[in-house]
Each structure stands twice: as structure tokens, then as C-alpha cells.
Amino acid sequence: MKITLAQAINLLSSLHKKVNELQGEFFTVHVIEVPKGETYTPYERTVDAVLQELSEVQRDILELKEIIQQANLSNQVEWDGHSISMIRAIETAKQLRERLNLLKTLATTKKREYNVHHHSGAIMEQIALFDPVEYKKHADKLARQVELLSSRIDKVNYTIEIDVPLAHKYLEA
């Protein structure tokens, strides 16, 4: 079944949720507590049935991850004057977001700040060793770059179709 890369990513997310649900179900059905000597009605699903479904979903996750990674490796995004793989684009976007968070911290730092030391009562002066205004400009520019890269990644995610044989098990109504 052909689906977009974005649909494959959403399917992967829902399969991870399914694993969590099955693990929860496992802990529900693996024991039953009844008064000593009393009879009980076993759960509808057995531990073996839950474990079997869990194994199947985990296999599907592995297969789907491999398909997504192959698509991310073979599809390209234009960035910084070069054509780069989606894998590189995704990792670059992550790194740029991390850097953006650092720059935002610098941009919001006060040039000079006074604090009272709790134990001694001494007034301490904290002095920024950089110009926060300049880092605000850098942060704003980097934020625009990150948004541009993210939109290019999204464009590929929503336009590229990939063959996902296991999709019919989860996506057909």
C-alpha cells in the first residue's frame, strides 16, 4: 500500500502507542486475584495472545522504521546551497533547534544584574560577557532558518509516497 512519508511517521507513532497499550494489558491479564478457594473467570485474552500481538507490532515497527529510514536516505532537500538527504536535514534541524535554545538564553540574559547572596547578604553583580542584543539578532535569524528547513522537510514528508506493505493492517477501515 502506498502512503505518504508523513502518514508512515504517524503510523509509527500509533504503533508505539499500541506497544504501550499491549504492555499495559499484559500487566492486567498476567495474574488474577481471588479469595482462596474461589473459582474465577479467566480473562478473555490470555498472556500468550497479548505477547503474540506485542511481538507482531514490534516486528512491524522494525519494518516500518527501516522503510522510513530508506525513504529519508533516498530523498533530498535543498539546504545551504546543497542537496542533502532527509536524514541529514532532520538531524541538522535538531541541531539548529538546540543551538537556537542556547542563543535564546543568551538573548534574554540581562547585561547587568544584581543578586543578594542568601547566606551572607552580600550583593553580587552578574555581568554578561557578551551583548544580549546581538544574540537576539542571531537567534531571530536562526529561528527563520530552522523554520525554512522544517518546511522543506515537511514538504517532502507530505509529497513523497512510499510503499508500506504492512500499512493495510492498520490503515484500512
Protein backbone atom coordinates (compact mmCIF):
# COMPACT_ATOMS: atom_id res chain seq x y z
CA MET A 1 0.00 0.00 0.00
CA LYS A 2 1.35 3.44 -0.94
CA ILE A 3 1.21 6.15 1.72
CA THR A 4 2.98 9.44 2.24
CA LEU A 5 6.08 9.61 4.37
CA ALA A 6 4.07 11.73 6.83
CA GLN A 7 1.44 9.00 7.10
CA ALA A 8 4.18 6.44 7.70
CA ILE A 9 5.59 8.59 10.53
CA ASN A 10 2.11 8.91 12.06
CA LEU A 11 1.61 5.15 11.72
CA LEU A 12 4.91 4.57 13.50
CA SER A 13 3.76 6.79 16.35
CA SER A 14 0.47 4.91 16.66
CA LEU A 15 2.32 1.57 16.65
CA HIS A 16 4.47 2.78 19.55
CA LYS A 17 1.25 3.71 21.40
CA LYS A 18 -0.11 0.25 20.62
CA VAL A 19 3.01 -1.32 22.19
CA ASN A 20 2.40 0.71 25.36
CA GLU A 21 -1.25 -0.39 25.43
CA LEU A 22 -0.28 -4.05 24.98
CA GLN A 23 2.30 -3.82 27.74
CA GLY A 24 -0.40 -2.38 30.00
CA GLU A 25 -2.77 -5.16 29.00
CA PHE A 26 -0.05 -7.72 29.74
CA PHE A 27 0.17 -6.48 33.35
CA THR A 28 -3.61 -6.66 33.62
CA VAL A 29 -4.02 -10.22 32.34
CA HIS A 30 -0.92 -11.93 33.71
CA VAL A 31 -2.49 -12.53 37.14
CA ILE A 32 -5.90 -12.57 38.73
CA GLU A 33 -6.56 -12.16 42.44
CA VAL A 34 -9.45 -14.05 44.05
CA PRO A 35 -10.20 -15.25 47.55
CA LYS A 36 -8.55 -18.57 48.36
CA GLY A 37 -10.54 -21.49 47.06
CA GLU A 38 -12.92 -19.38 44.98
CA THR A 39 -13.45 -20.03 41.30
CA TYR A 40 -12.72 -17.34 38.76
CA THR A 41 -13.49 -16.48 35.19
CA PRO A 42 -10.30 -16.13 33.16
CA TYR A 43 -9.75 -13.01 31.10
CA GLU A 44 -10.91 -13.06 27.51
CA ARG A 45 -7.34 -12.63 26.26
CA THR A 46 -4.51 -14.76 27.51
CA VAL A 47 -0.95 -13.72 28.29
CA ASP A 48 0.18 -15.68 25.22
CA ALA A 49 -2.27 -13.83 22.96
CA VAL A 50 -1.09 -10.45 24.27
CA LEU A 51 2.59 -11.42 23.92
CA GLN A 52 1.99 -12.70 20.39
CA GLU A 53 0.29 -9.44 19.33
CA LEU A 54 3.03 -7.44 21.04
CA SER A 55 5.71 -9.34 19.09
CA GLU A 56 3.84 -8.75 15.83
CA VAL A 57 3.51 -5.00 16.44
CA GLN A 58 7.19 -4.77 17.41
CA ARG A 59 8.18 -6.57 14.18
CA ASP A 60 6.01 -4.13 12.24
CA ILE A 61 7.70 -1.20 13.99
CA LEU A 62 11.12 -2.50 12.93
CA GLU A 63 9.98 -2.96 9.34
CA LEU A 64 8.33 0.46 9.23
CA LYS A 65 11.37 2.19 10.74
CA GLU A 66 13.55 0.60 8.08
CA ILE A 67 11.21 1.74 5.29
CA ILE A 68 11.11 5.29 6.70
CA GLN A 69 14.90 5.42 7.06
CA GLN A 70 15.37 4.20 3.49
CA ALA A 71 12.98 6.91 2.27
CA ASN A 72 14.78 9.52 4.38
CA LEU A 73 18.11 8.42 2.94
CA SER A 74 16.99 8.39 -0.69
CA ASN A 75 15.02 11.68 -0.69
CA GLN A 76 16.76 15.01 -0.81
CA VAL A 77 16.20 18.54 0.49
CA GLU A 78 17.89 21.71 -0.74
CA TRP A 79 19.78 23.35 2.11
CA ASP A 80 22.58 25.86 2.28
CA GLY A 81 23.29 25.57 -1.44
CA HIS A 82 23.46 21.76 -1.38
CA SER A 83 21.16 18.83 -1.86
CA ILE A 84 21.17 16.81 1.37
CA SER A 85 19.40 13.62 2.42
CA MET A 86 16.32 13.86 4.62
CA ILE A 87 18.29 12.09 7.36
CA ARG A 88 20.87 14.87 7.30
CA ALA A 89 18.15 17.53 7.07
CA ILE A 90 16.29 16.14 10.09
CA GLU A 91 19.47 15.93 12.16
CA THR A 92 20.50 19.42 11.04
CA ALA A 93 17.11 20.79 12.11
CA LYS A 94 17.51 19.16 15.54
CA GLN A 95 20.98 20.62 15.98
CA LEU A 96 19.84 24.06 14.86
CA ARG A 97 16.95 23.97 17.35
CA GLU A 98 19.38 23.08 20.14
CA ARG A 99 21.62 25.98 19.14
CA LEU A 100 18.59 28.26 18.92
CA ASN A 101 17.69 27.42 22.52
CA LEU A 102 21.22 28.39 23.61
CA LEU A 103 21.07 31.65 21.66
CA LYS A 104 17.67 32.48 23.18
CA THR A 105 19.18 32.01 26.64
CA LEU A 106 21.94 34.47 25.76
CA ALA A 107 19.45 36.88 24.17
CA THR A 108 17.33 37.05 27.33
CA THR A 109 20.26 37.48 29.70
CA LYS A 110 20.43 40.89 31.36
CA LYS A 111 23.57 42.88 30.61
CA ARG A 112 23.99 43.58 34.32
CA GLU A 113 22.05 42.07 37.21
CA TYR A 114 22.32 42.34 40.98
CA ASN A 115 21.55 39.48 43.35
CA VAL A 116 21.63 39.22 47.12
CA HIS A 117 23.68 36.24 48.32
CA HIS A 118 21.35 34.23 50.57
CA HIS A 119 23.77 33.30 53.35
CA SER A 120 25.96 36.36 53.67
CA GLY A 121 23.60 39.03 52.42
CA ALA A 122 26.34 40.29 50.11
CA ILE A 123 25.19 41.98 46.94
CA MET A 124 26.60 40.14 43.93
CA GLU A 125 26.79 41.59 40.45
CA GLN A 126 26.30 39.32 37.45
CA ILE A 127 27.75 40.80 34.27
CA ALA A 128 27.09 39.36 30.81
CA LEU A 129 30.34 38.86 28.93
CA PHE A 130 28.59 39.38 25.59
CA ASP A 131 25.99 41.65 24.01
CA PRO A 132 22.49 40.15 24.52
CA VAL A 133 21.07 42.36 21.75
CA GLU A 134 23.44 40.82 19.21
CA TYR A 135 22.48 37.32 20.28
CA LYS A 136 18.80 38.25 19.95
CA LYS A 137 19.51 39.15 16.30
CA HIS A 138 21.38 35.85 15.80
CA ALA A 139 18.52 33.92 17.45
CA ASP A 140 15.90 35.60 15.26
CA LYS A 141 17.89 34.80 12.11
CA LEU A 142 18.45 31.19 13.18
CA ALA A 143 14.75 30.78 14.01
CA ARG A 144 13.87 31.79 10.44
CA GLN A 145 16.43 29.30 9.08
CA VAL A 146 15.07 26.48 11.23
CA GLU A 147 11.53 27.23 10.06
CA LEU A 148 12.67 27.19 6.43
CA LEU A 149 14.43 23.84 6.83
CA SER A 150 11.45 22.39 8.70
CA SER A 151 9.06 23.47 5.97
CA ARG A 152 11.28 21.83 3.34
CA ILE A 153 11.32 18.61 5.37
CA ASP A 154 7.52 18.79 5.75
CA LYS A 155 7.12 19.30 2.01
CA VAL A 156 8.96 16.04 1.34
CA ASN A 157 7.07 14.24 4.12
CA TYR A 158 3.70 15.20 2.63
CA THR A 159 4.52 14.71 -1.06
CA ILE A 160 6.69 11.60 -1.22
CA GLU A 161 4.77 8.35 -1.36
CA ILE A 162 6.39 5.13 -0.21
CA ASP A 163 5.32 1.51 -0.39
CA VAL A 164 4.47 0.23 3.09
CA PRO A 165 3.17 -3.35 2.75
CA LEU A 166 2.07 -3.58 6.39
CA ALA A 167 0.02 -0.34 6.22
CA HIS A 168 -3.13 -2.16 5.12
CA LYS A 169 -3.27 -3.93 8.53
CA TYR A 170 -3.58 -0.63 10.35
CA LEU A 171 -4.95 1.97 7.94
CA GLU A 172 -7.76 0.31 6.02
CA ALA A 173 -11.18 0.72 7.59
